[in-house]
């Protein structure tokens, strides 16, 4: 069994907006860059977490799917506005599969 490192305690503070990785300008630039790479295709984020990148990418009009091991992180993603637009499969990214084809598969941080 794969150890889940991102439990409830970590998930509760993961989106701390004082962290530089959540700076709106950085997320806008990152999601815009990824949207350009995805083009008209779908994107798959490995270790999607709370949707820090997947949600702004989805807002750019890209269909985003994700794989995430932590149920706590997934709960945070699903509770956010737009979280229901991200098709997420819970599981280990080394063995979990998501059906379909993707023009972009990415892993950040």
PDB file of N, CA and C in Angstrom:
ATOM      1  N   UNK A   1       0.844  -1.188   0.000  1.00  0.00           N
ATOM      2  CA  UNK A   1       0.000   0.000   0.000  1.00  0.00           C
ATOM      3  C   UNK A   1       0.886   1.247   0.000  1.00  0.00           C
ATOM      4  N   UNK A   2       0.601   2.150  -0.885  1.00  0.00           N
ATOM      5  CA  UNK A   2       1.338   3.405  -0.980  1.00  0.00           C
ATOM      6  C   UNK A   2       0.951   4.319   0.179  1.00  0.00           C
ATOM      7  N   UNK A   3       1.944   4.905   0.831  1.00  0.00           N
ATOM      8  CA  UNK A   3       1.677   5.819   1.945  1.00  0.00           C
ATOM      9  C   UNK A   3       1.116   7.135   1.412  1.00  0.00           C
ATOM     10  N   UNK A   4       0.074   7.615   2.057  1.00  0.00           N
ATOM     11  CA  UNK A   4      -0.513   8.905   1.703  1.00  0.00           C
ATOM     12  C   UNK A   4       0.110   9.966   2.608  1.00  0.00           C
ATOM     13  N   UNK A   5       0.928  10.820   2.016  1.00  0.00           N
ATOM     14  CA  UNK A   5       1.645  11.852   2.767  1.00  0.00           C
ATOM     15  C   UNK A   5       0.791  13.097   3.001  1.00  0.00           C
ATOM     16  N   UNK A   6      -0.166  13.336   2.135  1.00  0.00           N
ATOM     17  CA  UNK A   6      -0.974  14.549   2.224  1.00  0.00           C
ATOM     18  C   UNK A   6      -2.311  14.221   2.879  1.00  0.00           C
ATOM     19  N   UNK A   7      -2.300  14.239   4.219  1.00  0.00           N
ATOM     20  CA  UNK A   7      -3.485  13.904   5.001  1.00  0.00           C
ATOM     21  C   UNK A   7      -4.345  15.150   5.235  1.00  0.00           C
ATOM     22  N   UNK A   8      -5.371  15.026   6.089  1.00  0.00           N
ATOM     23  CA  UNK A   8      -6.279  16.144   6.362  1.00  0.00           C
ATOM     24  C   UNK A   8      -5.540  17.391   6.845  1.00  0.00           C
ATOM     25  N   UNK A   9      -4.583  17.195   7.745  1.00  0.00           N
ATOM     26  CA  UNK A   9      -3.860  18.334   8.312  1.00  0.00           C
ATOM     27  C   UNK A   9      -3.100  19.107   7.228  1.00  0.00           C
ATOM     28  N   UNK A  10      -2.439  18.418   6.352  1.00  0.00           N
ATOM     29  CA  UNK A  10      -1.694  19.078   5.284  1.00  0.00           C
ATOM     30  C   UNK A  10      -2.651  19.694   4.262  1.00  0.00           C
ATOM     31  N   UNK A  11      -3.704  18.970   3.901  1.00  0.00           N
ATOM     32  CA  UNK A  11      -4.665  19.471   2.915  1.00  0.00           C
ATOM     33  C   UNK A  11      -5.332  20.760   3.387  1.00  0.00           C
ATOM     34  N   UNK A  12      -5.567  20.876   4.688  1.00  0.00           N
ATOM     35  CA  UNK A  12      -6.226  22.074   5.234  1.00  0.00           C
ATOM     36  C   UNK A  12      -5.407  23.332   5.014  1.00  0.00           C
ATOM     37  N   UNK A  13      -4.093  23.224   4.995  1.00  0.00           N
ATOM     38  CA  UNK A  13      -3.244  24.410   4.867  1.00  0.00           C
ATOM     39  C   UNK A  13      -2.519  24.486   3.527  1.00  0.00           C
ATOM     40  N   UNK A  14      -2.729  23.506   2.655  1.00  0.00           N
ATOM     41  CA  UNK A  14      -1.989  23.450   1.397  1.00  0.00           C
ATOM     42  C   UNK A  14      -2.209  24.676   0.520  1.00  0.00           C
ATOM     43  N   UNK A  15      -3.404  25.202   0.532  1.00  0.00           N
ATOM     44  CA  UNK A  15      -3.726  26.356  -0.304  1.00  0.00           C
ATOM     45  C   UNK A  15      -3.462  27.698   0.370  1.00  0.00           C
ATOM     46  N   UNK A  16      -2.576  27.723   1.327  1.00  0.00           N
ATOM     47  CA  UNK A  16      -2.243  28.959   2.026  1.00  0.00           C
ATOM     48  C   UNK A  16      -1.792  30.005   1.017  1.00  0.00           C
ATOM     49  N   UNK A  17      -2.583  31.040   0.853  1.00  0.00           N
ATOM     50  CA  UNK A  17      -2.328  32.038  -0.184  1.00  0.00           C
ATOM     51  C   UNK A  17      -1.079  32.875   0.057  1.00  0.00           C
ATOM     52  N   UNK A  18      -0.479  32.766   1.234  1.00  0.00           N
ATOM     53  CA  UNK A  18       0.753  33.518   1.463  1.00  0.00           C
ATOM     54  C   UNK A  18       1.934  32.840   0.772  1.00  0.00           C
ATOM     55  N   UNK A  19       1.756  31.622   0.322  1.00  0.00           N
ATOM     56  CA  UNK A  19       2.815  30.896  -0.363  1.00  0.00           C
ATOM     57  C   UNK A  19       2.971  31.448  -1.787  1.00  0.00           C
ATOM     58  N   UNK A  20       4.191  31.674  -2.214  1.00  0.00           N
ATOM     59  CA  UNK A  20       4.461  32.232  -3.539  1.00  0.00           C
ATOM     60  C   UNK A  20       3.915  31.382  -4.678  1.00  0.00           C
ATOM     61  N   UNK A  21       3.794  30.060  -4.466  1.00  0.00           N
ATOM     62  CA  UNK A  21       3.327  29.208  -5.560  1.00  0.00           C
ATOM     63  C   UNK A  21       1.851  29.416  -5.879  1.00  0.00           C
ATOM     64  N   UNK A  22       1.145  30.198  -5.053  1.00  0.00           N
ATOM     65  CA  UNK A  22      -0.254  30.513  -5.303  1.00  0.00           C
ATOM     66  C   UNK A  22      -0.454  31.946  -5.793  1.00  0.00           C
ATOM     67  N   UNK A  23       0.625  32.627  -6.092  1.00  0.00           N
ATOM     68  CA  UNK A  23       0.527  34.002  -6.585  1.00  0.00           C
ATOM     69  C   UNK A  23      -0.284  34.015  -7.876  1.00  0.00           C
ATOM     70  N   UNK A  24      -1.303  34.864  -7.949  1.00  0.00           N
ATOM     71  CA  UNK A  24      -2.160  34.896  -9.143  1.00  0.00           C
ATOM     72  C   UNK A  24      -1.392  35.081 -10.443  1.00  0.00           C
ATOM     73  N   UNK A  25      -0.382  35.917 -10.454  1.00  0.00           N
ATOM     74  CA  UNK A  25       0.386  36.139 -11.684  1.00  0.00           C
ATOM     75  C   UNK A  25       1.115  34.867 -12.119  1.00  0.00           C
ATOM     76  N   UNK A  26       1.657  34.130 -11.157  1.00  0.00           N
ATOM     77  CA  UNK A  26       2.347  32.881 -11.469  1.00  0.00           C
ATOM     78  C   UNK A  26       1.365  31.844 -12.007  1.00  0.00           C
ATOM     79  N   UNK A  27       0.219  31.691 -11.354  1.00  0.00           N
ATOM     80  CA  UNK A  27      -0.766  30.714 -11.811  1.00  0.00           C
ATOM     81  C   UNK A  27      -1.336  31.084 -13.173  1.00  0.00           C
ATOM     82  N   UNK A  28      -1.521  32.361 -13.432  1.00  0.00           N
ATOM     83  CA  UNK A  28      -2.015  32.794 -14.734  1.00  0.00           C
ATOM     84  C   UNK A  28      -1.000  32.477 -15.826  1.00  0.00           C
ATOM     85  N   UNK A  29       0.258  32.777 -15.567  1.00  0.00           N
ATOM     86  CA  UNK A  29       1.306  32.496 -16.551  1.00  0.00           C
ATOM     87  C   UNK A  29       1.463  30.989 -16.767  1.00  0.00           C
ATOM     88  N   UNK A  30       1.436  30.233 -15.691  1.00  0.00           N
ATOM     89  CA  UNK A  30       1.588  28.777 -15.786  1.00  0.00           C
ATOM     90  C   UNK A  30       0.428  28.150 -16.548  1.00  0.00           C
ATOM     91  N   UNK A  31      -0.797  28.515 -16.177  1.00  0.00           N
ATOM     92  CA  UNK A  31      -1.963  27.919 -16.833  1.00  0.00           C
ATOM     93  C   UNK A  31      -2.064  28.369 -18.290  1.00  0.00           C
ATOM     94  N   UNK A  32      -1.666  29.593 -18.586  1.00  0.00           N
ATOM     95  CA  UNK A  32      -1.662  30.060 -19.969  1.00  0.00           C
ATOM     96  C   UNK A  32      -0.654  29.296 -20.814  1.00  0.00           C
ATOM     97  N   UNK A  33       0.520  29.056 -20.250  1.00  0.00           N
ATOM     98  CA  UNK A  33       1.552  28.284 -20.948  1.00  0.00           C
ATOM     99  C   UNK A  33       1.062  26.862 -21.218  1.00  0.00           C
ATOM    100  N   UNK A  34       0.489  26.222 -20.188  1.00  0.00           N
ATOM    101  CA  UNK A  34      -0.007  24.852 -20.349  1.00  0.00           C
ATOM    102  C   UNK A  34      -1.168  24.790 -21.346  1.00  0.00           C
ATOM    103  N   UNK A  35      -2.030  25.798 -21.327  1.00  0.00           N
ATOM    104  CA  UNK A  35      -3.141  25.836 -22.284  1.00  0.00           C
ATOM    105  C   UNK A  35      -2.611  25.879 -23.714  1.00  0.00           C
ATOM    106  N   UNK A  36      -1.545  26.623 -23.932  1.00  0.00           N
ATOM    107  CA  UNK A  36      -0.931  26.673 -25.255  1.00  0.00           C
ATOM    108  C   UNK A  36      -0.377  25.316 -25.674  1.00  0.00           C
ATOM    109  N   UNK A  37       0.205  24.594 -24.715  1.00  0.00           N
ATOM    110  CA  UNK A  37       0.729  23.261 -25.019  1.00  0.00           C
ATOM    111  C   UNK A  37      -0.394  22.261 -25.288  1.00  0.00           C
ATOM    112  N   UNK A  38      -1.495  22.382 -24.557  1.00  0.00           N
ATOM    113  CA  UNK A  38      -2.619  21.451 -24.713  1.00  0.00           C
ATOM    114  C   UNK A  38      -3.347  21.685 -26.029  1.00  0.00           C
ATOM    115  N   UNK A  39      -3.363  22.915 -26.500  1.00  0.00           N
ATOM    116  CA  UNK A  39      -4.084  23.231 -27.726  1.00  0.00           C
ATOM    117  C   UNK A  39      -5.563  22.898 -27.575  1.00  0.00           C
ATOM    118  N   UNK A  40      -6.116  22.212 -28.556  1.00  0.00           N
ATOM    119  CA  UNK A  40      -7.532  21.845 -28.527  1.00  0.00           C
ATOM    120  C   UNK A  40      -7.757  20.500 -27.840  1.00  0.00           C
ATOM    121  N   UNK A  41      -6.676  19.880 -27.337  1.00  0.00           N
ATOM    122  CA  UNK A  41      -6.779  18.560 -26.717  1.00  0.00           C
ATOM    123  C   UNK A  41      -7.027  18.616 -25.223  1.00  0.00           C
ATOM    124  N   UNK A  42      -7.096  17.449 -24.641  1.00  0.00           N
ATOM    125  CA  UNK A  42      -7.303  17.309 -23.199  1.00  0.00           C
ATOM    126  C   UNK A  42      -5.959  17.311 -22.483  1.00  0.00           C
ATOM    127  N   UNK A  43      -5.996  17.663 -21.192  1.00  0.00           N
ATOM    128  CA  UNK A  43      -4.796  17.665 -20.360  1.00  0.00           C
ATOM    129  C   UNK A  43      -4.998  16.729 -19.173  1.00  0.00           C
ATOM    130  N   UNK A  44      -3.929  16.075 -18.762  1.00  0.00           N
ATOM    131  CA  UNK A  44      -3.939  15.202 -17.590  1.00  0.00           C
ATOM    132  C   UNK A  44      -2.871  15.681 -16.621  1.00  0.00           C
ATOM    133  N   UNK A  45      -3.290  16.013 -15.404  1.00  0.00           N
ATOM    134  CA  UNK A  45      -2.330  16.408 -14.370  1.00  0.00           C
ATOM    135  C   UNK A  45      -2.108  15.247 -13.428  1.00  0.00           C
ATOM    136  N   UNK A  46      -0.846  14.855 -13.281  1.00  0.00           N
ATOM    137  CA  UNK A  46      -0.458  13.842 -12.315  1.00  0.00           C
ATOM    138  C   UNK A  46      -0.287  14.513 -10.969  1.00  0.00           C
ATOM    139  N   UNK A  47      -0.819  13.908  -9.910  1.00  0.00           N
ATOM    140  CA  UNK A  47      -0.792  14.490  -8.567  1.00  0.00           C
ATOM    141  C   UNK A  47      -1.486  15.851  -8.575  1.00  0.00           C
ATOM    142  N   UNK A  48      -2.740  15.859  -8.987  1.00  0.00           N
ATOM    143  CA  UNK A  48      -3.513  17.092  -9.180  1.00  0.00           C
ATOM    144  C   UNK A  48      -3.763  17.847  -7.874  1.00  0.00           C
ATOM    145  N   UNK A  49      -3.703  17.170  -6.752  1.00  0.00           N
ATOM    146  CA  UNK A  49      -3.844  17.830  -5.451  1.00  0.00           C
ATOM    147  C   UNK A  49      -5.147  18.577  -5.291  1.00  0.00           C
ATOM    148  N   UNK A  50      -5.055  19.823  -4.861  1.00  0.00           N
ATOM    149  CA  UNK A  50      -6.231  20.653  -4.614  1.00  0.00           C
ATOM    150  C   UNK A  50      -6.658  21.435  -5.858  1.00  0.00           C
ATOM    151  N   UNK A  51      -6.000  21.181  -6.976  1.00  0.00           N
ATOM    152  CA  UNK A  51      -6.379  21.849  -8.218  1.00  0.00           C
ATOM    153  C   UNK A  51      -5.717  23.193  -8.444  1.00  0.00           C
ATOM    154  N   UNK A  52      -4.634  23.456  -7.744  1.00  0.00           N
ATOM    155  CA  UNK A  52      -3.942  24.740  -7.844  1.00  0.00           C
ATOM    156  C   UNK A  52      -3.671  25.142  -9.282  1.00  0.00           C
ATOM    157  N   UNK A  53      -3.282  24.194 -10.135  1.00  0.00           N
ATOM    158  CA  UNK A  53      -3.005  24.489 -11.540  1.00  0.00           C
ATOM    159  C   UNK A  53      -4.156  24.018 -12.429  1.00  0.00           C
ATOM    160  N   UNK A  54      -4.764  22.906 -12.094  1.00  0.00           N
ATOM    161  CA  UNK A  54      -5.835  22.344 -12.929  1.00  0.00           C
ATOM    162  C   UNK A  54      -7.027  23.289 -13.059  1.00  0.00           C
ATOM    163  N   UNK A  55      -7.408  23.952 -11.988  1.00  0.00           N
ATOM    164  CA  UNK A  55      -8.567  24.840 -12.048  1.00  0.00           C
ATOM    165  C   UNK A  55      -8.346  26.047 -12.953  1.00  0.00           C
ATOM    166  N   UNK A  56      -7.225  26.770 -12.836  1.00  0.00           N
ATOM    167  CA  UNK A  56      -7.016  27.872 -13.769  1.00  0.00           C
ATOM    168  C   UNK A  56      -6.832  27.395 -15.212  1.00  0.00           C
ATOM    169  N   UNK A  57      -6.252  26.202 -15.386  1.00  0.00           N
ATOM    170  CA  UNK A  57      -6.116  25.655 -16.732  1.00  0.00           C
ATOM    171  C   UNK A  57      -7.488  25.357 -17.317  1.00  0.00           C
ATOM    172  N   UNK A  58      -8.365  24.802 -16.520  1.00  0.00           N
ATOM    173  CA  UNK A  58      -9.740  24.543 -16.953  1.00  0.00           C
ATOM    174  C   UNK A  58     -10.447  25.853 -17.312  1.00  0.00           C
ATOM    175  N   UNK A  59     -10.168  26.909 -16.557  1.00  0.00           N
ATOM    176  CA  UNK A  59     -10.766  28.215 -16.836  1.00  0.00           C
ATOM    177  C   UNK A  59     -10.302  28.779 -18.187  1.00  0.00           C
ATOM    178  N   UNK A  60      -9.164  28.283 -18.682  1.00  0.00           N
ATOM    179  CA  UNK A  60      -8.669  28.673 -20.013  1.00  0.00           C
ATOM    180  C   UNK A  60      -9.380  27.887 -21.109  1.00  0.00           C
ATOM    181  N   UNK A  61     -10.313  27.013 -20.731  1.00  0.00           N
ATOM    182  CA  UNK A  61     -11.072  26.255 -21.711  1.00  0.00           C
ATOM    183  C   UNK A  61     -10.526  24.877 -22.030  1.00  0.00           C
ATOM    184  N   UNK A  62      -9.525  24.437 -21.283  1.00  0.00           N
ATOM    185  CA  UNK A  62      -8.940  23.109 -21.500  1.00  0.00           C
ATOM    186  C   UNK A  62      -9.698  22.084 -20.661  1.00  0.00           C
ATOM    187  N   UNK A  63     -10.033  20.954 -21.255  1.00  0.00           N
ATOM    188  CA  UNK A  63     -10.641  19.851 -20.519  1.00  0.00           C
ATOM    189  C   UNK A  63      -9.529  19.165 -19.723  1.00  0.00           C
ATOM    190  N   UNK A  64      -9.634  19.215 -18.389  1.00  0.00           N
ATOM    191  CA  UNK A  64      -8.567  18.719 -17.520  1.00  0.00           C
ATOM    192  C   UNK A  64      -9.047  17.512 -16.730  1.00  0.00           C
ATOM    193  N   UNK A  65      -8.211  16.487 -16.702  1.00  0.00           N
ATOM    194  CA  UNK A  65      -8.410  15.326 -15.838  1.00  0.00           C
ATOM    195  C   UNK A  65      -7.212  15.255 -14.907  1.00  0.00           C
ATOM    196  N   UNK A  66      -7.347  14.480 -13.832  1.00  0.00           N
ATOM    197  CA  UNK A  66      -6.241  14.368 -12.902  1.00  0.00           C
ATOM    198  C   UNK A  66      -6.214  13.032 -12.197  1.00  0.00           C
ATOM    199  N   UNK A  67      -5.062  12.726 -11.639  1.00  0.00           N
ATOM    200  CA  UNK A  67      -4.869  11.571 -10.778  1.00  0.00           C
ATOM    201  C   UNK A  67      -4.344  12.101  -9.455  1.00  0.00           C
ATOM    202  N   UNK A  68      -4.927  11.630  -8.348  1.00  0.00           N
ATOM    203  CA  UNK A  68      -4.494  12.072  -7.022  1.00  0.00           C
ATOM    204  C   UNK A  68      -4.627  10.924  -6.032  1.00  0.00           C
ATOM    205  N   UNK A  69      -3.613  10.710  -5.229  1.00  0.00           N
ATOM    206  CA  UNK A  69      -3.593   9.645  -4.233  1.00  0.00           C
ATOM    207  C   UNK A  69      -4.345  10.019  -2.959  1.00  0.00           C
ATOM    208  N   UNK A  70      -4.296  11.282  -2.573  1.00  0.00           N
ATOM    209  CA  UNK A  70      -4.831  11.711  -1.283  1.00  0.00           C
ATOM    210  C   UNK A  70      -6.313  12.072  -1.335  1.00  0.00           C
ATOM    211  N   UNK A  71      -7.160  11.333  -0.612  1.00  0.00           N
ATOM    212  CA  UNK A  71      -8.574  11.699  -0.560  1.00  0.00           C
ATOM    213  C   UNK A  71      -8.791  13.082   0.066  1.00  0.00           C
ATOM    214  N   UNK A  72      -7.914  13.484   0.976  1.00  0.00           N
ATOM    215  CA  UNK A  72      -8.032  14.799   1.619  1.00  0.00           C
ATOM    216  C   UNK A  72      -7.801  15.920   0.616  1.00  0.00           C
ATOM    217  N   UNK A  73      -6.793  15.759  -0.224  1.00  0.00           N
ATOM    218  CA  UNK A  73      -6.518  16.769  -1.249  1.00  0.00           C
ATOM    219  C   UNK A  73      -7.661  16.805  -2.263  1.00  0.00           C
ATOM    220  N   UNK A  74      -8.179  15.640  -2.635  1.00  0.00           N
ATOM    221  CA  UNK A  74      -9.299  15.584  -3.576  1.00  0.00           C
ATOM    222  C   UNK A  74     -10.531  16.258  -3.014  1.00  0.00           C
ATOM    223  N   UNK A  75     -10.765  16.094  -1.726  1.00  0.00           N
ATOM    224  CA  UNK A  75     -11.905  16.756  -1.093  1.00  0.00           C
ATOM    225  C   UNK A  75     -11.811  18.258  -1.223  1.00  0.00           C
ATOM    226  N   UNK A  76     -10.602  18.791  -1.063  1.00  0.00           N
ATOM    227  CA  UNK A  76     -10.391  20.237  -1.212  1.00  0.00           C
ATOM    228  C   UNK A  76     -10.647  20.682  -2.653  1.00  0.00           C
ATOM    229  N   UNK A  77     -10.161  19.903  -3.611  1.00  0.00           N
ATOM    230  CA  UNK A  77     -10.372  20.232  -5.021  1.00  0.00           C
ATOM    231  C   UNK A  77     -11.858  20.240  -5.347  1.00  0.00           C
ATOM    232  N   UNK A  78     -12.549  19.213  -4.948  1.00  0.00           N
ATOM    233  CA  UNK A  78     -13.966  19.079  -5.296  1.00  0.00           C
ATOM    234  C   UNK A  78     -14.835  20.141  -4.630  1.00  0.00           C
ATOM    235  N   UNK A  79     -14.374  20.707  -3.528  1.00  0.00           N
ATOM    236  CA  UNK A  79     -15.146  21.730  -2.816  1.00  0.00           C
ATOM    237  C   UNK A  79     -14.970  23.125  -3.427  1.00  0.00           C
ATOM    238  N   UNK A  80     -13.994  23.288  -4.291  1.00  0.00           N
ATOM    239  CA  UNK A  80     -13.721  24.604  -4.884  1.00  0.00           C
ATOM    240  C   UNK A  80     -14.655  24.881  -6.054  1.00  0.00           C
ATOM    241  N   UNK A  81     -14.931  26.153  -6.312  1.00  0.00           N
ATOM    242  CA  UNK A  81     -15.696  26.497  -7.516  1.00  0.00           C
ATOM    243  C   UNK A  81     -14.972  25.975  -8.754  1.00  0.00           C
ATOM    244  N   UNK A  82     -15.687  25.267  -9.604  1.00  0.00           N
ATOM    245  CA  UNK A  82     -15.097  24.685 -10.802  1.00  0.00           C
ATOM    246  C   UNK A  82     -14.496  23.312 -10.587  1.00  0.00           C
ATOM    247  N   UNK A  83     -14.442  22.873  -9.334  1.00  0.00           N
ATOM    248  CA  UNK A  83     -13.852  21.572  -9.028  1.00  0.00           C
ATOM    249  C   UNK A  83     -14.591  20.413  -9.671  1.00  0.00           C
ATOM    250  N   UNK A  84     -15.886  20.595  -9.882  1.00  0.00           N
ATOM    251  CA  UNK A  84     -16.668  19.531 -10.512  1.00  0.00           C
ATOM    252  C   UNK A  84     -16.357  19.391 -11.997  1.00  0.00           C
ATOM    253  N   UNK A  85     -15.671  20.353 -12.589  1.00  0.00           N
ATOM    254  CA  UNK A  85     -15.309  20.294 -14.008  1.00  0.00           C
ATOM    255  C   UNK A  85     -14.045  19.466 -14.237  1.00  0.00           C
ATOM    256  N   UNK A  86     -13.318  19.155 -13.165  1.00  0.00           N
ATOM    257  CA  UNK A  86     -12.086  18.383 -13.272  1.00  0.00           C
ATOM    258  C   UNK A  86     -12.422  16.919 -13.014  1.00  0.00           C
ATOM    259  N   UNK A  87     -12.188  16.071 -14.005  1.00  0.00           N
ATOM    260  CA  UNK A  87     -12.427  14.639 -13.870  1.00  0.00           C
ATOM    261  C   UNK A  87     -11.219  14.022 -13.179  1.00  0.00           C
ATOM    262  N   UNK A  88     -11.386  13.612 -11.916  1.00  0.00           N
ATOM    263  CA  UNK A  88     -10.253  13.125 -11.140  1.00  0.00           C
ATOM    264  C   UNK A  88     -10.456  11.660 -10.767  1.00  0.00           C
ATOM    265  N   UNK A  89      -9.378  10.904 -10.900  1.00  0.00           N
ATOM    266  CA  UNK A  89      -9.360   9.511 -10.487  1.00  0.00           C
ATOM    267  C   UNK A  89      -8.452   9.419  -9.269  1.00  0.00           C
ATOM    268  N   UNK A  90      -8.957   8.813  -8.204  1.00  0.00           N
ATOM    269  CA  UNK A  90      -8.154   8.624  -7.001  1.00  0.00           C
ATOM    270  C   UNK A  90      -7.284   7.399  -7.169  1.00  0.00           C
ATOM    271  N   UNK A  91      -5.978   7.585  -6.963  1.00  0.00           N
ATOM    272  CA  UNK A  91      -5.068   6.460  -7.059  1.00  0.00           C
ATOM    273  C   UNK A  91      -3.628   6.908  -7.181  1.00  0.00           C
ATOM    274  N   UNK A  92      -2.755   5.925  -7.208  1.00  0.00           N
ATOM    275  CA  UNK A  92      -1.321   6.132  -7.329  1.00  0.00           C
ATOM    276  C   UNK A  92      -1.002   6.459  -8.789  1.00  0.00           C
ATOM    277  N   UNK A  93      -0.283   7.521  -9.030  1.00  0.00           N
ATOM    278  CA  UNK A  93      -0.025   7.941 -10.407  1.00  0.00           C
ATOM    279  C   UNK A  93       0.850   6.962 -11.172  1.00  0.00           C
ATOM    280  N   UNK A  94       1.518   6.055 -10.475  1.00  0.00           N
ATOM    281  CA  UNK A  94       2.350   5.079 -11.178  1.00  0.00           C
ATOM    282  C   UNK A  94       1.556   3.906 -11.725  1.00  0.00           C
ATOM    283  N   UNK A  95       0.342   3.692 -11.214  1.00  0.00           N
ATOM    284  CA  UNK A  95      -0.447   2.537 -11.661  1.00  0.00           C
ATOM    285  C   UNK A  95      -1.851   2.885 -12.126  1.00  0.00           C
ATOM    286  N   UNK A  96      -2.362   4.041 -11.752  1.00  0.00           N
ATOM    287  CA  UNK A  96      -3.723   4.442 -12.100  1.00  0.00           C
ATOM    288  C   UNK A  96      -3.771   4.911 -13.549  1.00  0.00           C
ATOM    289  N   UNK A  97      -4.825   4.538 -14.224  1.00  0.00           N
ATOM    290  CA  UNK A  97      -5.002   4.930 -15.616  1.00  0.00           C
ATOM    291  C   UNK A  97      -6.268   5.759 -15.767  1.00  0.00           C
ATOM    292  N   UNK A  98      -6.232   6.709 -16.665  1.00  0.00           N
ATOM    293  CA  UNK A  98      -7.385   7.543 -16.988  1.00  0.00           C
ATOM    294  C   UNK A  98      -7.711   7.271 -18.453  1.00  0.00           C
ATOM    295  N   UNK A  99      -8.966   6.934 -18.746  1.00  0.00           N
ATOM    296  CA  UNK A  99      -9.299   6.617 -20.130  1.00  0.00           C
ATOM    297  C   UNK A  99      -9.199   7.819 -21.066  1.00  0.00           C
ATOM    298  N   UNK A 100      -8.927   7.522 -22.327  1.00  0.00           N
ATOM    299  CA  UNK A 100      -8.884   8.556 -23.343  1.00  0.00           C
ATOM    300  C   UNK A 100      -7.476   8.949 -23.718  1.00  0.00           C
ATOM    301  N   UNK A 101      -7.406   9.927 -24.603  1.00  0.00           N
ATOM    302  CA  UNK A 101      -6.127  10.445 -25.079  1.00  0.00           C
ATOM    303  C   UNK A 101      -5.943  11.875 -24.593  1.00  0.00           C
ATOM    304  N   UNK A 102      -4.687  12.255 -24.416  1.00  0.00           N
ATOM    305  CA  UNK A 102      -4.351  13.581 -23.908  1.00  0.00           C
ATOM    306  C   UNK A 102      -3.271  14.200 -24.780  1.00  0.00           C
ATOM    307  N   UNK A 103      -3.434  15.468 -25.094  1.00  0.00           N
ATOM    308  CA  UNK A 103      -2.401  16.162 -25.838  1.00  0.00           C
ATOM    309  C   UNK A 103      -1.325  16.708 -24.900  1.00  0.00           C
ATOM    310  N   UNK A 104      -1.647  16.729 -23.602  1.00  0.00           N
ATOM    311  CA  UNK A 104      -0.695  17.214 -22.599  1.00  0.00           C
ATOM    312  C   UNK A 104      -0.853  16.405 -21.320  1.00  0.00           C
ATOM    313  N   UNK A 105       0.250  15.884 -20.830  1.00  0.00           N
ATOM    314  CA  UNK A 105       0.308  15.245 -19.515  1.00  0.00           C
ATOM    315  C   UNK A 105       1.398  15.981 -18.757  1.00  0.00           C
ATOM    316  N   UNK A 106       1.070  16.456 -17.555  1.00  0.00           N
ATOM    317  CA  UNK A 106       2.035  17.269 -16.831  1.00  0.00           C
ATOM    318  C   UNK A 106       2.017  16.983 -15.329  1.00  0.00           C
ATOM    319  N   UNK A 107       3.108  17.337 -14.698  1.00  0.00           N
ATOM    320  CA  UNK A 107       3.289  17.220 -13.256  1.00  0.00           C
ATOM    321  C   UNK A 107       4.026  18.470 -12.818  1.00  0.00           C
ATOM    322  N   UNK A 108       3.464  19.188 -11.847  1.00  0.00           N
ATOM    323  CA  UNK A 108       4.109  20.422 -11.382  1.00  0.00           C
ATOM    324  C   UNK A 108       4.565  20.264  -9.944  1.00  0.00           C
ATOM    325  N   UNK A 109       5.455  21.154  -9.553  1.00  0.00           N
ATOM    326  CA  UNK A 109       5.955  21.235  -8.189  1.00  0.00           C
ATOM    327  C   UNK A 109       6.533  19.912  -7.803  1.00  0.00           C
TER     328      UNK A 109
END
